[in-house]
Amino acid sequence: MTKRDNDAEQQRTLNEAKEAHKTKYNVRMIEQTDGTFPMHGNFLSNLFPSAKKKKKKKKKKNSEGEQIGEKSITNKKKLEFKLSKAQKSIKRQKESRRKSTGKVGEEQGKQK
């Protein structure tokens, strides 16, 4: 196929798609300034049925707003463990600061 044949084929498919869109939705497609046409979801899904977007299922939540299921329980335990570790490390840091500042304060008090 030559380039002219390819261009003609593309134009033919575009015209067919426009006609199908017009007949199904009774809508005129307005050409944009750059020569393309606005692509609507319905129009695209008719052209490419395999490219339809799948809807995500919403996870069920109980009255407290927590997710139901085994994964949520394990995630909750992991988060609690991380939180406890963080709290312990913060306690250690505070104690080390107290000790270091306390020693400095005692030394200064003895000198005066």
PDB file of N, CA and C in Angstrom:
ATOM      1  N   MET A   1       0.843  -1.195   0.000  1.00  0.00           N
ATOM      2  CA  MET A   1       0.000   0.000   0.000  1.00  0.00           C
ATOM      3  C   MET A   1       0.883   1.252   0.000  1.00  0.00           C
ATOM      4  N   THR A   2       0.472   2.204  -0.747  1.00  0.00           N
ATOM      5  CA  THR A   2       1.215   3.457  -0.782  1.00  0.00           C
ATOM      6  C   THR A   2       0.687   4.374   0.308  1.00  0.00           C
ATOM      7  N   LYS A   3       1.364   5.487   0.441  1.00  0.00           N
ATOM      8  CA  LYS A   3       0.950   6.439   1.473  1.00  0.00           C
ATOM      9  C   LYS A   3      -0.452   6.976   1.185  1.00  0.00           C
ATOM     10  N   ARG A   4      -0.742   7.178  -0.079  1.00  0.00           N
ATOM     11  CA  ARG A   4      -2.056   7.691  -0.463  1.00  0.00           C
ATOM     12  C   ARG A   4      -3.153   6.704  -0.070  1.00  0.00           C
ATOM     13  N   ASP A   5      -2.883   5.407  -0.286  1.00  0.00           N
ATOM     14  CA  ASP A   5      -3.857   4.384   0.093  1.00  0.00           C
ATOM     15  C   ASP A   5      -4.081   4.370   1.592  1.00  0.00           C
ATOM     16  N   ASN A   6      -2.971   4.496   2.347  1.00  0.00           N
ATOM     17  CA  ASN A   6      -3.080   4.521   3.814  1.00  0.00           C
ATOM     18  C   ASN A   6      -3.902   5.708   4.287  1.00  0.00           C
ATOM     19  N   ASP A   7      -3.631   6.883   3.712  1.00  0.00           N
ATOM     20  CA  ASP A   7      -4.379   8.080   4.092  1.00  0.00           C
ATOM     21  C   ASP A   7      -5.861   7.921   3.771  1.00  0.00           C
ATOM     22  N   ALA A   8      -6.143   7.351   2.591  1.00  0.00           N
ATOM     23  CA  ALA A   8      -7.539   7.157   2.201  1.00  0.00           C
ATOM     24  C   ALA A   8      -8.230   6.187   3.144  1.00  0.00           C
ATOM     25  N   GLU A   9      -7.524   5.128   3.536  1.00  0.00           N
ATOM     26  CA  GLU A   9      -8.090   4.137   4.456  1.00  0.00           C
ATOM     27  C   GLU A   9      -8.383   4.769   5.822  1.00  0.00           C
ATOM     28  N   GLN A  10      -7.457   5.565   6.301  1.00  0.00           N
ATOM     29  CA  GLN A  10      -7.658   6.235   7.589  1.00  0.00           C
ATOM     30  C   GLN A  10      -8.858   7.180   7.524  1.00  0.00           C
ATOM     31  N   GLN A  11      -8.959   7.918   6.439  1.00  0.00           N
ATOM     32  CA  GLN A  11     -10.070   8.856   6.283  1.00  0.00           C
ATOM     33  C   GLN A  11     -11.396   8.111   6.233  1.00  0.00           C
ATOM     34  N   ARG A  12     -11.396   6.961   5.555  1.00  0.00           N
ATOM     35  CA  ARG A  12     -12.610   6.156   5.428  1.00  0.00           C
ATOM     36  C   ARG A  12     -13.059   5.651   6.805  1.00  0.00           C
ATOM     37  N   THR A  13     -12.098   5.136   7.599  1.00  0.00           N
ATOM     38  CA  THR A  13     -12.457   4.625   8.923  1.00  0.00           C
ATOM     39  C   THR A  13     -12.948   5.751   9.823  1.00  0.00           C
ATOM     40  N   LEU A  14     -12.315   6.916   9.709  1.00  0.00           N
ATOM     41  CA  LEU A  14     -12.749   8.060  10.513  1.00  0.00           C
ATOM     42  C   LEU A  14     -14.171   8.469  10.134  1.00  0.00           C
ATOM     43  N   ASN A  15     -14.451   8.505   8.844  1.00  0.00           N
ATOM     44  CA  ASN A  15     -15.797   8.863   8.392  1.00  0.00           C
ATOM     45  C   ASN A  15     -16.824   7.841   8.864  1.00  0.00           C
ATOM     46  N   GLU A  16     -16.467   6.558   8.816  1.00  0.00           N
ATOM     47  CA  GLU A  16     -17.385   5.516   9.290  1.00  0.00           C
ATOM     48  C   GLU A  16     -17.665   5.684  10.782  1.00  0.00           C
ATOM     49  N   ALA A  17     -16.609   5.980  11.535  1.00  0.00           N
ATOM     50  CA  ALA A  17     -16.782   6.161  12.982  1.00  0.00           C
ATOM     51  C   ALA A  17     -17.668   7.364  13.263  1.00  0.00           C
ATOM     52  N   LYS A  18     -17.481   8.450  12.511  1.00  0.00           N
ATOM     53  CA  LYS A  18     -18.313   9.640  12.701  1.00  0.00           C
ATOM     54  C   LYS A  18     -19.778   9.332  12.394  1.00  0.00           C
ATOM     55  N   GLU A  19     -20.001   8.605  11.311  1.00  0.00           N
ATOM     56  CA  GLU A  19     -21.372   8.251  10.937  1.00  0.00           C
ATOM     57  C   GLU A  19     -22.033   7.377  11.997  1.00  0.00           C
ATOM     58  N   ALA A  20     -21.271   6.400  12.506  1.00  0.00           N
ATOM     59  CA  ALA A  20     -21.817   5.521  13.539  1.00  0.00           C
ATOM     60  C   ALA A  20     -22.176   6.320  14.781  1.00  0.00           C
ATOM     61  N   HIS A  21     -21.338   7.281  15.112  1.00  0.00           N
ATOM     62  CA  HIS A  21     -21.591   8.114  16.287  1.00  0.00           C
ATOM     63  C   HIS A  21     -22.825   8.969  16.067  1.00  0.00           C
ATOM     64  N   LYS A  22     -22.944   9.542  14.885  1.00  0.00           N
ATOM     65  CA  LYS A  22     -24.105  10.387  14.584  1.00  0.00           C
ATOM     66  C   LYS A  22     -25.399   9.594  14.666  1.00  0.00           C
ATOM     67  N   THR A  23     -25.398   8.393  14.071  1.00  0.00           N
ATOM     68  CA  THR A  23     -26.642   7.622  14.039  1.00  0.00           C
ATOM     69  C   THR A  23     -27.020   7.125  15.426  1.00  0.00           C
ATOM     70  N   LYS A  24     -26.026   6.754  16.231  1.00  0.00           N
ATOM     71  CA  LYS A  24     -26.352   6.210  17.547  1.00  0.00           C
ATOM     72  C   LYS A  24     -26.805   7.303  18.506  1.00  0.00           C
ATOM     73  N   TYR A  25     -26.099   8.440  18.520  1.00  0.00           N
ATOM     74  CA  TYR A  25     -26.404   9.471  19.515  1.00  0.00           C
ATOM     75  C   TYR A  25     -27.099  10.686  18.914  1.00  0.00           C
ATOM     76  N   ASN A  26     -27.271  10.692  17.584  1.00  0.00           N
ATOM     77  CA  ASN A  26     -27.909  11.806  16.899  1.00  0.00           C
ATOM     78  C   ASN A  26     -27.204  13.117  17.244  1.00  0.00           C
ATOM     79  N   VAL A  27     -25.881  13.091  17.150  1.00  0.00           N
ATOM     80  CA  VAL A  27     -25.055  14.231  17.526  1.00  0.00           C
ATOM     81  C   VAL A  27     -24.109  14.543  16.374  1.00  0.00           C
ATOM     82  N   ARG A  28     -23.923  15.814  16.113  1.00  0.00           N
ATOM     83  CA  ARG A  28     -22.958  16.215  15.102  1.00  0.00           C
ATOM     84  C   ARG A  28     -21.617  16.417  15.780  1.00  0.00           C
ATOM     85  N   MET A  29     -20.542  15.841  15.218  1.00  0.00           N
ATOM     86  CA  MET A  29     -19.219  16.035  15.798  1.00  0.00           C
ATOM     87  C   MET A  29     -18.628  17.310  15.222  1.00  0.00           C
ATOM     88  N   ILE A  30     -18.177  18.196  16.077  1.00  0.00           N
ATOM     89  CA  ILE A  30     -17.616  19.468  15.646  1.00  0.00           C
ATOM     90  C   ILE A  30     -16.096  19.317  15.577  1.00  0.00           C
ATOM     91  N   GLU A  31     -15.542  19.656  14.432  1.00  0.00           N
ATOM     92  CA  GLU A  31     -14.105  19.529  14.261  1.00  0.00           C
ATOM     93  C   GLU A  31     -13.422  20.644  15.048  1.00  0.00           C
ATOM     94  N   GLN A  32     -12.347  20.274  15.792  1.00  0.00           N
ATOM     95  CA  GLN A  32     -11.609  21.258  16.561  1.00  0.00           C
ATOM     96  C   GLN A  32     -10.606  21.969  15.655  1.00  0.00           C
ATOM     97  N   THR A  33      -9.949  22.993  16.192  1.00  0.00           N
ATOM     98  CA  THR A  33      -9.041  23.809  15.376  1.00  0.00           C
ATOM     99  C   THR A  33      -7.839  23.017  14.873  1.00  0.00           C
ATOM    100  N   ASP A  34      -7.401  22.016  15.634  1.00  0.00           N
ATOM    101  CA  ASP A  34      -6.225  21.249  15.204  1.00  0.00           C
ATOM    102  C   ASP A  34      -6.593  20.089  14.280  1.00  0.00           C
ATOM    103  N   GLY A  35      -7.837  20.023  13.846  1.00  0.00           N
ATOM    104  CA  GLY A  35      -8.241  19.006  12.888  1.00  0.00           C
ATOM    105  C   GLY A  35      -8.702  17.705  13.520  1.00  0.00           C
ATOM    106  N   THR A  36      -8.689  17.638  14.843  1.00  0.00           N
ATOM    107  CA  THR A  36      -9.143  16.418  15.514  1.00  0.00           C
ATOM    108  C   THR A  36     -10.574  16.599  15.985  1.00  0.00           C
ATOM    109  N   PHE A  37     -11.151  15.526  16.442  1.00  0.00           N
ATOM    110  CA  PHE A  37     -12.518  15.575  16.942  1.00  0.00           C
ATOM    111  C   PHE A  37     -12.526  15.265  18.427  1.00  0.00           C
ATOM    112  N   PRO A  38     -13.445  15.869  19.182  1.00  0.00           N
ATOM    113  CA  PRO A  38     -13.507  15.564  20.615  1.00  0.00           C
ATOM    114  C   PRO A  38     -13.871  14.096  20.826  1.00  0.00           C
ATOM    115  N   MET A  39     -13.122  13.439  21.668  1.00  0.00           N
ATOM    116  CA  MET A  39     -13.365  12.025  21.925  1.00  0.00           C
ATOM    117  C   MET A  39     -14.136  11.887  23.230  1.00  0.00           C
ATOM    118  N   HIS A  40     -15.333  11.401  23.143  1.00  0.00           N
ATOM    119  CA  HIS A  40     -16.150  11.169  24.315  1.00  0.00           C
ATOM    120  C   HIS A  40     -16.028   9.714  24.720  1.00  0.00           C
ATOM    121  N   GLY A  41     -16.294   9.435  25.983  1.00  0.00           N
ATOM    122  CA  GLY A  41     -16.169   8.074  26.489  1.00  0.00           C
ATOM    123  C   GLY A  41     -17.009   7.078  25.715  1.00  0.00           C
ATOM    124  N   ASN A  42     -18.255   7.431  25.420  1.00  0.00           N
ATOM    125  CA  ASN A  42     -19.134   6.515  24.687  1.00  0.00           C
ATOM    126  C   ASN A  42     -18.616   6.263  23.284  1.00  0.00           C
ATOM    127  N   PHE A  43     -18.132   7.306  22.661  1.00  0.00           N
ATOM    128  CA  PHE A  43     -17.621   7.189  21.303  1.00  0.00           C
ATOM    129  C   PHE A  43     -16.420   6.240  21.270  1.00  0.00           C
ATOM    130  N   LEU A  44     -15.514   6.418  22.224  1.00  0.00           N
ATOM    131  CA  LEU A  44     -14.315   5.567  22.278  1.00  0.00           C
ATOM    132  C   LEU A  44     -14.675   4.129  22.607  1.00  0.00           C
ATOM    133  N   SER A  45     -15.619   3.940  23.520  1.00  0.00           N
ATOM    134  CA  SER A  45     -15.971   2.573  23.909  1.00  0.00           C
ATOM    135  C   SER A  45     -16.652   1.838  22.765  1.00  0.00           C
ATOM    136  N   ASN A  46     -17.330   2.583  21.881  1.00  0.00           N
ATOM    137  CA  ASN A  46     -17.926   1.928  20.712  1.00  0.00           C
ATOM    138  C   ASN A  46     -16.854   1.525  19.712  1.00  0.00           C
ATOM    139  N   LEU A  47     -15.836   2.376  19.576  1.00  0.00           N
ATOM    140  CA  LEU A  47     -14.758   2.042  18.648  1.00  0.00           C
ATOM    141  C   LEU A  47     -13.892   0.911  19.185  1.00  0.00           C
ATOM    142  N   PHE A  48     -13.576   0.990  20.481  1.00  0.00           N
ATOM    143  CA  PHE A  48     -12.686   0.008  21.098  1.00  0.00           C
ATOM    144  C   PHE A  48     -13.370  -0.603  22.316  1.00  0.00           C
ATOM    145  N   PRO A  49     -14.192  -1.633  22.115  1.00  0.00           N
ATOM    146  CA  PRO A  49     -14.939  -2.191  23.251  1.00  0.00           C
ATOM    147  C   PRO A  49     -14.033  -2.850  24.288  1.00  0.00           C
ATOM    148  N   SER A  50     -12.837  -3.289  23.878  1.00  0.00           N
ATOM    149  CA  SER A  50     -11.955  -3.953  24.835  1.00  0.00           C
ATOM    150  C   SER A  50     -11.275  -2.948  25.760  1.00  0.00           C
ATOM    151  N   ALA A  51     -11.346  -1.666  25.428  1.00  0.00           N
ATOM    152  CA  ALA A  51     -10.654  -0.656  26.216  1.00  0.00           C
ATOM    153  C   ALA A  51     -11.550   0.002  27.260  1.00  0.00           C
ATOM    154  N   LYS A  52     -12.691  -0.609  27.567  1.00  0.00           N
ATOM    155  CA  LYS A  52     -13.593  -0.022  28.555  1.00  0.00           C
ATOM    156  C   LYS A  52     -12.955  -0.076  29.936  1.00  0.00           C
ATOM    157  N   LYS A  53     -13.170   0.980  30.692  1.00  0.00           N
ATOM    158  CA  LYS A  53     -12.616   1.022  32.046  1.00  0.00           C
ATOM    159  C   LYS A  53     -13.479   0.183  32.975  1.00  0.00           C
ATOM    160  N   LYS A  54     -12.808  -0.535  33.866  1.00  0.00           N
ATOM    161  CA  LYS A  54     -13.544  -1.339  34.840  1.00  0.00           C
ATOM    162  C   LYS A  54     -13.722  -0.524  36.109  1.00  0.00           C
ATOM    163  N   LYS A  55     -14.899  -0.635  36.695  1.00  0.00           N
ATOM    164  CA  LYS A  55     -15.167   0.089  37.933  1.00  0.00           C
ATOM    165  C   LYS A  55     -14.547  -0.656  39.094  1.00  0.00           C
ATOM    166  N   LYS A  56     -13.928   0.106  40.004  1.00  0.00           N
ATOM    167  CA  LYS A  56     -13.328  -0.501  41.194  1.00  0.00           C
ATOM    168  C   LYS A  56     -14.412  -0.731  42.238  1.00  0.00           C
ATOM    169  N   LYS A  57     -14.323  -1.872  42.903  1.00  0.00           N
ATOM    170  CA  LYS A  57     -15.288  -2.168  43.957  1.00  0.00           C
ATOM    171  C   LYS A  57     -14.883  -1.438  45.228  1.00  0.00           C
ATOM    172  N   LYS A  58     -15.854  -0.883  45.918  1.00  0.00           N
ATOM    173  CA  LYS A  58     -15.580  -0.201  47.178  1.00  0.00           C
ATOM    174  C   LYS A  58     -15.476  -1.228  48.288  1.00  0.00           C
ATOM    175  N   LYS A  59     -14.500  -0.999  49.174  1.00  0.00           N
ATOM    176  CA  LYS A  59     -14.335  -1.915  50.303  1.00  0.00           C
ATOM    177  C   LYS A  59     -15.372  -1.596  51.369  1.00  0.00           C
ATOM    178  N   LYS A  60     -15.906  -2.637  51.965  1.00  0.00           N
ATOM    179  CA  LYS A  60     -16.904  -2.453  53.010  1.00  0.00           C
ATOM    180  C   LYS A  60     -16.230  -1.984  54.288  1.00  0.00           C
ATOM    181  N   LYS A  61     -16.909  -1.125  55.017  1.00  0.00           N
ATOM    182  CA  LYS A  61     -16.389  -0.631  56.288  1.00  0.00           C
ATOM    183  C   LYS A  61     -17.434  -0.867  57.370  1.00  0.00           C
ATOM    184  N   ASN A  62     -16.946  -1.145  58.586  1.00  0.00           N
ATOM    185  CA  ASN A  62     -17.891  -1.327  59.682  1.00  0.00           C
ATOM    186  C   ASN A  62     -18.225   0.031  60.295  1.00  0.00           C
ATOM    187  N   SER A  63     -18.967   0.052  61.382  1.00  0.00           N
ATOM    188  CA  SER A  63     -19.468   1.296  61.946  1.00  0.00           C
ATOM    189  C   SER A  63     -18.344   2.218  62.421  1.00  0.00           C
ATOM    190  N   GLU A  64     -17.189   1.653  62.806  1.00  0.00           N
ATOM    191  CA  GLU A  64     -16.085   2.480  63.288  1.00  0.00           C
ATOM    192  C   GLU A  64     -15.266   3.045  62.137  1.00  0.00           C
ATOM    193  N   GLY A  65     -15.563   2.621  60.918  1.00  0.00           N
ATOM    194  CA  GLY A  65     -14.837   3.122  59.765  1.00  0.00           C
ATOM    195  C   GLY A  65     -13.624   2.274  59.428  1.00  0.00           C
ATOM    196  N   GLU A  66     -13.434   1.157  60.098  1.00  0.00           N
ATOM    197  CA  GLU A  66     -12.295   0.289  59.814  1.00  0.00           C
ATOM    198  C   GLU A  66     -12.680  -0.694  58.728  1.00  0.00           C
ATOM    199  N   GLN A  67     -11.703  -1.093  57.947  1.00  0.00           N
ATOM    200  CA  GLN A  67     -11.995  -2.043  56.884  1.00  0.00           C
ATOM    201  C   GLN A  67     -12.190  -3.428  57.464  1.00  0.00           C
ATOM    202  N   ILE A  68     -13.097  -4.167  56.862  1.00  0.00           N
ATOM    203  CA  ILE A  68     -13.399  -5.511  57.321  1.00  0.00           C
ATOM    204  C   ILE A  68     -12.538  -6.492  56.534  1.00  0.00           C
ATOM    205  N   GLY A  69     -12.009  -7.487  57.233  1.00  0.00           N
ATOM    206  CA  GLY A  69     -11.224  -8.507  56.545  1.00  0.00           C
ATOM    207  C   GLY A  69      -9.930  -8.790  57.273  1.00  0.00           C
ATOM    208  N   GLU A  70      -9.279  -9.884  56.892  1.00  0.00           N
ATOM    209  CA  GLU A  70      -8.049 -10.283  57.563  1.00  0.00           C
ATOM    210  C   GLU A  70      -6.904  -9.316  57.289  1.00  0.00           C
ATOM    211  N   LYS A  71      -6.844  -8.801  56.066  1.00  0.00           N
ATOM    212  CA  LYS A  71      -5.759  -7.888  55.714  1.00  0.00           C
ATOM    213  C   LYS A  71      -5.773  -6.660  56.599  1.00  0.00           C
ATOM    214  N   SER A  72      -6.963  -6.123  56.867  1.00  0.00           N
ATOM    215  CA  SER A  72      -7.048  -4.916  57.676  1.00  0.00           C
ATOM    216  C   SER A  72      -6.569  -5.189  59.097  1.00  0.00           C
ATOM    217  N   ILE A  73      -6.837  -6.388  59.607  1.00  0.00           N
ATOM    218  CA  ILE A  73      -6.402  -6.734  60.961  1.00  0.00           C
ATOM    219  C   ILE A  73      -4.882  -6.806  61.015  1.00  0.00           C
ATOM    220  N   THR A  74      -4.270  -7.464  60.030  1.00  0.00           N
ATOM    221  CA  THR A  74      -2.809  -7.568  60.027  1.00  0.00           C
ATOM    222  C   THR A  74      -2.178  -6.204  59.831  1.00  0.00           C
ATOM    223  N   ASN A  75      -2.770  -5.371  58.974  1.00  0.00           N
ATOM    224  CA  ASN A  75      -2.238  -4.025  58.778  1.00  0.00           C
ATOM    225  C   ASN A  75      -2.318  -3.221  60.070  1.00  0.00           C
ATOM    226  N   LYS A  76      -3.420  -3.391  60.782  1.00  0.00           N
ATOM    227  CA  LYS A  76      -3.599  -2.669  62.036  1.00  0.00           C
ATOM    228  C   LYS A  76      -2.531  -3.091  63.047  1.00  0.00           C
ATOM    229  N   LYS A  77      -2.259  -4.410  63.110  1.00  0.00           N
ATOM    230  CA  LYS A  77      -1.231  -4.899  64.031  1.00  0.00           C
ATOM    231  C   LYS A  77       0.137  -4.352  63.659  1.00  0.00           C
ATOM    232  N   LYS A  78       0.426  -4.339  62.357  1.00  0.00           N
ATOM    233  CA  LYS A  78       1.711  -3.813  61.900  1.00  0.00           C
ATOM    234  C   LYS A  78       1.854  -2.348  62.276  1.00  0.00           C
ATOM    235  N   LEU A  79       0.790  -1.582  62.080  1.00  0.00           N
ATOM    236  CA  LEU A  79       0.837  -0.163  62.410  1.00  0.00           C
ATOM    237  C   LEU A  79       1.017   0.055  63.907  1.00  0.00           C
ATOM    238  N   GLU A  80       0.333  -0.756  64.711  1.00  0.00           N
ATOM    239  CA  GLU A  80       0.488  -0.636  66.166  1.00  0.00           C
ATOM    240  C   GLU A  80       1.915  -0.953  66.585  1.00  0.00           C
ATOM    241  N   PHE A  81       2.516  -1.974  65.957  1.00  0.00           N
ATOM    242  CA  PHE A  81       3.894  -2.360  66.268  1.00  0.00           C
ATOM    243  C   PHE A  81       4.856  -1.225  65.908  1.00  0.00           C
ATOM    244  N   LYS A  82       4.669  -0.634  64.724  1.00  0.00           N
ATOM    245  CA  LYS A  82       5.529   0.480  64.305  1.00  0.00           C
ATOM    246  C   LYS A  82       5.367   1.665  65.240  1.00  0.00           C
ATOM    247  N   LEU A  83       4.133   1.907  65.657  1.00  0.00           N
ATOM    248  CA  LEU A  83       3.859   3.025  66.556  1.00  0.00           C
ATOM    249  C   LEU A  83       4.551   2.817  67.896  1.00  0.00           C
ATOM    250  N   SER A  84       4.463   1.586  68.424  1.00  0.00           N
ATOM    251  CA  SER A  84       5.098   1.314  69.707  1.00  0.00           C
ATOM    252  C   SER A  84       6.615   1.456  69.592  1.00  0.00           C
ATOM    253  N   LYS A  85       7.192   0.998  68.484  1.00  0.00           N
ATOM    254  CA  LYS A  85       8.636   1.150  68.274  1.00  0.00           C
ATOM    255  C   LYS A  85       9.024   2.620  68.246  1.00  0.00           C
ATOM    256  N   ALA A  86       8.234   3.418  67.537  1.00  0.00           N
ATOM    257  CA  ALA A  86       8.519   4.847  67.424  1.00  0.00           C
ATOM    258  C   ALA A  86       8.424   5.521  68.784  1.00  0.00           C
ATOM    259  N   GLN A  87       7.391   5.136  69.562  1.00  0.00           N
ATOM    260  CA  GLN A  87       7.239   5.733  70.884  1.00  0.00           C
ATOM    261  C   GLN A  87       8.423   5.377  71.781  1.00  0.00           C
ATOM    262  N   LYS A  88       8.899   4.129  71.699  1.00  0.00           N
ATOM    263  CA  LYS A  88      10.049   3.719  72.500  1.00  0.00           C
ATOM    264  C   LYS A  88      11.298   4.512  72.121  1.00  0.00           C
ATOM    265  N   SER A  89      11.510   4.684  70.827  1.00  0.00           N
ATOM    266  CA  SER A  89      12.698   5.419  70.390  1.00  0.00           C
ATOM    267  C   SER A  89      12.626   6.881  70.833  1.00  0.00           C
ATOM    268  N   ILE A  90      11.426   7.463  70.796  1.00  0.00           N
ATOM    269  CA  ILE A  90      11.265   8.847  71.248  1.00  0.00           C
ATOM    270  C   ILE A  90      11.561   8.943  72.744  1.00  0.00           C
ATOM    271  N   LYS A  91      11.088   7.959  73.524  1.00  0.00           N
ATOM    272  CA  LYS A  91      11.360   7.945  74.963  1.00  0.00           C
ATOM    273  C   LYS A  91      12.860   7.894  75.212  1.00  0.00           C
ATOM    274  N   ARG A  92      13.555   6.990  74.481  1.00  0.00           N
ATOM    275  CA  ARG A  92      15.001   6.865  74.639  1.00  0.00           C
ATOM    276  C   ARG A  92      15.701   8.182  74.323  1.00  0.00           C
ATOM    277  N   GLN A  93      15.282   8.839  73.262  1.00  0.00           N
ATOM    278  CA  GLN A  93      15.900  10.110  72.882  1.00  0.00           C
ATOM    279  C   GLN A  93      15.692  11.165  73.962  1.00  0.00           C
ATOM    280  N   LYS A  94      14.475  11.216  74.505  1.00  0.00           N
ATOM    281  CA  LYS A  94      14.189  12.193  75.557  1.00  0.00           C
ATOM    282  C   LYS A  94      15.050  11.932  76.792  1.00  0.00           C
ATOM    283  N   GLU A  95      15.179  10.631  77.179  1.00  0.00           N
ATOM    284  CA  GLU A  95      15.978  10.287  78.340  1.00  0.00           C
ATOM    285  C   GLU A  95      17.445  10.639  78.120  1.00  0.00           C
ATOM    286  N   SER A  96      17.944  10.361  76.923  1.00  0.00           N
ATOM    287  CA  SER A  96      19.348  10.677  76.656  1.00  0.00           C
ATOM    288  C   SER A  96      19.575  12.186  76.696  1.00  0.00           C
ATOM    289  N   ARG A  97      18.617  12.967  76.206  1.00  0.00           N
ATOM    290  CA  ARG A  97      18.741  14.427  76.267  1.00  0.00           C
ATOM    291  C   ARG A  97      18.719  14.905  77.710  1.00  0.00           C
ATOM    292  N   ARG A  98      17.795  14.299  78.507  1.00  0.00           N
ATOM    293  CA  ARG A  98      17.709  14.684  79.910  1.00  0.00           C
ATOM    294  C   ARG A  98      19.021  14.403  80.629  1.00  0.00           C
ATOM    295  N   LYS A  99      19.551  13.208  80.374  1.00  0.00           N
ATOM    296  CA  LYS A  99      20.796  12.823  81.034  1.00  0.00           C
ATOM    297  C   LYS A  99      21.923  13.759  80.642  1.00  0.00           C
ATOM    298  N   SER A 100      22.037  14.026  79.345  1.00  0.00           N
ATOM    299  CA  SER A 100      23.141  14.875  78.878  1.00  0.00           C
ATOM    300  C   SER A 100      22.982  16.304  79.403  1.00  0.00           C
ATOM    301  N   THR A 101      21.789  16.845  79.386  1.00  0.00           N
ATOM    302  CA  THR A 101      21.590  18.208  79.884  1.00  0.00           C
ATOM    303  C   THR A 101      21.690  18.237  81.406  1.00  0.00           C
ATOM    304  N   GLY A 102      21.258  17.178  82.060  1.00  0.00           N
ATOM    305  CA  GLY A 102      21.336  17.115  83.521  1.00  0.00           C
ATOM    306  C   GLY A 102      22.773  17.113  83.997  1.00  0.00           C
ATOM    307  N   LYS A 103      23.627  16.351  83.352  1.00  0.00           N
ATOM    308  CA  LYS A 103      25.041  16.297  83.738  1.00  0.00           C
ATOM    309  C   LYS A 103      25.699  17.644  83.552  1.00  0.00           C
ATOM    310  N   VAL A 104      25.386  18.301  82.442  1.00  0.00           N
ATOM    311  CA  VAL A 104      25.982  19.607  82.176  1.00  0.00           C
ATOM    312  C   VAL A 104      25.527  20.594  83.243  1.00  0.00           C
ATOM    313  N   GLY A 105      24.264  20.539  83.599  1.00  0.00           N
ATOM    314  CA  GLY A 105      23.730  21.448  84.615  1.00  0.00           C
ATOM    315  C   GLY A 105      24.374  21.206  85.976  1.00  0.00           C
ATOM    316  N   GLU A 106      24.601  19.915  86.336  1.00  0.00           N
ATOM    317  CA  GLU A 106      25.218  19.594  87.617  1.00  0.00           C
ATOM    318  C   GLU A 106      26.646  20.104  87.663  1.00  0.00           C
ATOM    319  N   GLU A 107      27.377  19.940  86.566  1.00  0.00           N
ATOM    320  CA  GLU A 107      28.766  20.386  86.526  1.00  0.00           C
ATOM    321  C   GLU A 107      28.836  21.899  86.691  1.00  0.00           C
ATOM    322  N   GLN A 108      27.953  22.613  86.028  1.00  0.00           N
ATOM    323  CA  GLN A 108      27.949  24.064  86.138  1.00  0.00           C
ATOM    324  C   GLN A 108      27.578  24.483  87.559  1.00  0.00           C
ATOM    325  N   GLY A 109      26.662  23.743  88.196  1.00  0.00           N
ATOM    326  CA  GLY A 109      26.246  24.063  89.554  1.00  0.00           C
ATOM    327  C   GLY A 109      27.390  23.858  90.538  1.00  0.00           C
ATOM    328  N   LYS A 110      28.209  22.828  90.354  1.00  0.00           N
ATOM    329  CA  LYS A 110      29.325  22.554  91.256  1.00  0.00           C
ATOM    330  C   LYS A 110      30.392  23.624  91.142  1.00  0.00           C
ATOM    331  N   GLN A 111      30.608  24.142  89.932  1.00  0.00           N
ATOM    332  CA  GLN A 111      31.660  25.140  89.730  1.00  0.00           C
ATOM    333  C   GLN A 111      31.298  26.458  90.387  1.00  0.00           C
ATOM    334  N   LYS A 112      30.037  26.792  90.428  1.00  0.00           N
ATOM    335  CA  LYS A 112      29.627  28.081  91.013  1.00  0.00           C
ATOM    336  C   LYS A 112      29.653  27.938  92.490  1.00  0.00           C
TER     337      LYS A 112
END
